[in-house]
Every structure is written in structure tokens, then in C-alpha cells.
Amino acid sequence: MRLSWMDTYTFLSTLRGLLTVHPVTVETHETGLALAERYSFPSTTS
């Protein structure tokens, strides 16, 4: 799915209005890396 930058900002703004956004901590990032490795996601996706 390819969005223009304007569409991307609009989409993210909508999400921020609907969800609670939490900052990414080191622990969150490490968990994401472990999941990416476990499920063989490319590093560009994680």
C-alpha cells in the first residue's frame, strides 16, 4: 500500500485521535526485534 506523504500524515493523525500512543522504549524495541527474528521478518519491516 503506497500513500502520499499527506495521506500518511492524515492517516497517522486519525490513529492518534482513536488510540493511546505510547513512546517506544528500549524494551519495546527489543521485543519487536525478537519477534521479527522469530517470525523471519525482514529487518526493514521491523
C-alpha atoms as a PDB file:
ATOM      1  CA  MET A   1       0.000   0.000   0.000  1.00  0.00           C
ATOM      2  CA  ARG A   2       1.525   3.286  -1.092  1.00  0.00           C
ATOM      3  CA  LEU A   3       0.300   6.552   0.355  1.00  0.00           C
ATOM      4  CA  SER A   4       1.364  10.094  -0.387  1.00  0.00           C
ATOM      5  CA  TRP A   5       3.027  11.947   2.473  1.00  0.00           C
ATOM      6  CA  MET A   6      -0.145  13.993   3.014  1.00  0.00           C
ATOM      7  CA  ASP A   7      -2.258  10.813   3.167  1.00  0.00           C
ATOM      8  CA  THR A   8       0.259   9.268   5.558  1.00  0.00           C
ATOM      9  CA  TYR A   9       0.074  12.248   7.922  1.00  0.00           C
ATOM     10  CA  THR A  10      -3.722  12.239   7.738  1.00  0.00           C
ATOM     11  CA  PHE A  11      -3.862   8.512   8.481  1.00  0.00           C
ATOM     12  CA  LEU A  12      -1.496   8.848  11.458  1.00  0.00           C
ATOM     13  CA  SER A  13      -3.455  11.800  12.798  1.00  0.00           C
ATOM     14  CA  THR A  14      -6.646   9.726  12.647  1.00  0.00           C
ATOM     15  CA  LEU A  15      -4.970   6.861  14.503  1.00  0.00           C
ATOM     16  CA  ARG A  16      -3.658   9.223  17.179  1.00  0.00           C
ATOM     17  CA  GLY A  17      -7.203  10.502  17.678  1.00  0.00           C
ATOM     18  CA  LEU A  18      -8.560   6.987  18.168  1.00  0.00           C
ATOM     19  CA  LEU A  19      -5.765   5.288  20.098  1.00  0.00           C
ATOM     20  CA  THR A  20      -3.485   5.950  23.020  1.00  0.00           C
ATOM     21  CA  VAL A  21       0.022   6.337  21.639  1.00  0.00           C
ATOM     22  CA  HIS A  22       2.918   5.291  23.879  1.00  0.00           C
ATOM     23  CA  PRO A  23       6.563   6.081  23.214  1.00  0.00           C
ATOM     24  CA  VAL A  24       8.759   3.214  22.095  1.00  0.00           C
ATOM     25  CA  THR A  25      11.037   2.182  24.945  1.00  0.00           C
ATOM     26  CA  VAL A  26      14.198   0.150  24.599  1.00  0.00           C
ATOM     27  CA  GLU A  27      12.277  -2.837  25.970  1.00  0.00           C
ATOM     28  CA  THR A  28       9.525  -2.407  23.362  1.00  0.00           C
ATOM     29  CA  HIS A  29      12.120  -2.152  20.599  1.00  0.00           C
ATOM     30  CA  GLU A  30      13.946  -5.265  21.822  1.00  0.00           C
ATOM     31  CA  THR A  31      10.667  -7.189  21.942  1.00  0.00           C
ATOM     32  CA  GLY A  32       9.950  -6.121  18.368  1.00  0.00           C
ATOM     33  CA  LEU A  33      13.399  -7.247  17.246  1.00  0.00           C
ATOM     34  CA  ALA A  34      12.945 -10.627  18.941  1.00  0.00           C
ATOM     35  CA  LEU A  35       9.551 -11.103  17.266  1.00  0.00           C
ATOM     36  CA  ALA A  36      10.978 -10.067  13.893  1.00  0.00           C
ATOM     37  CA  GLU A  37      13.771 -12.609  14.259  1.00  0.00           C
ATOM     38  CA  ARG A  38      11.403 -15.347  15.471  1.00  0.00           C
ATOM     39  CA  TYR A  39       8.989 -14.895  12.566  1.00  0.00           C
ATOM     40  CA  SER A  40      11.677 -14.108   9.963  1.00  0.00           C
ATOM     41  CA  PHE A  41      10.519 -10.566   9.181  1.00  0.00           C
ATOM     42  CA  PRO A  42      12.986  -8.604   7.080  1.00  0.00           C
ATOM     43  CA  SER A  43      14.905  -6.039   9.148  1.00  0.00           C
ATOM     44  CA  THR A  44      13.384  -3.247   7.036  1.00  0.00           C
ATOM     45  CA  THR A  45       9.913  -4.244   8.308  1.00  0.00           C
ATOM     46  CA  SER A  46      10.790  -4.208  11.998  1.00  0.00           C
END
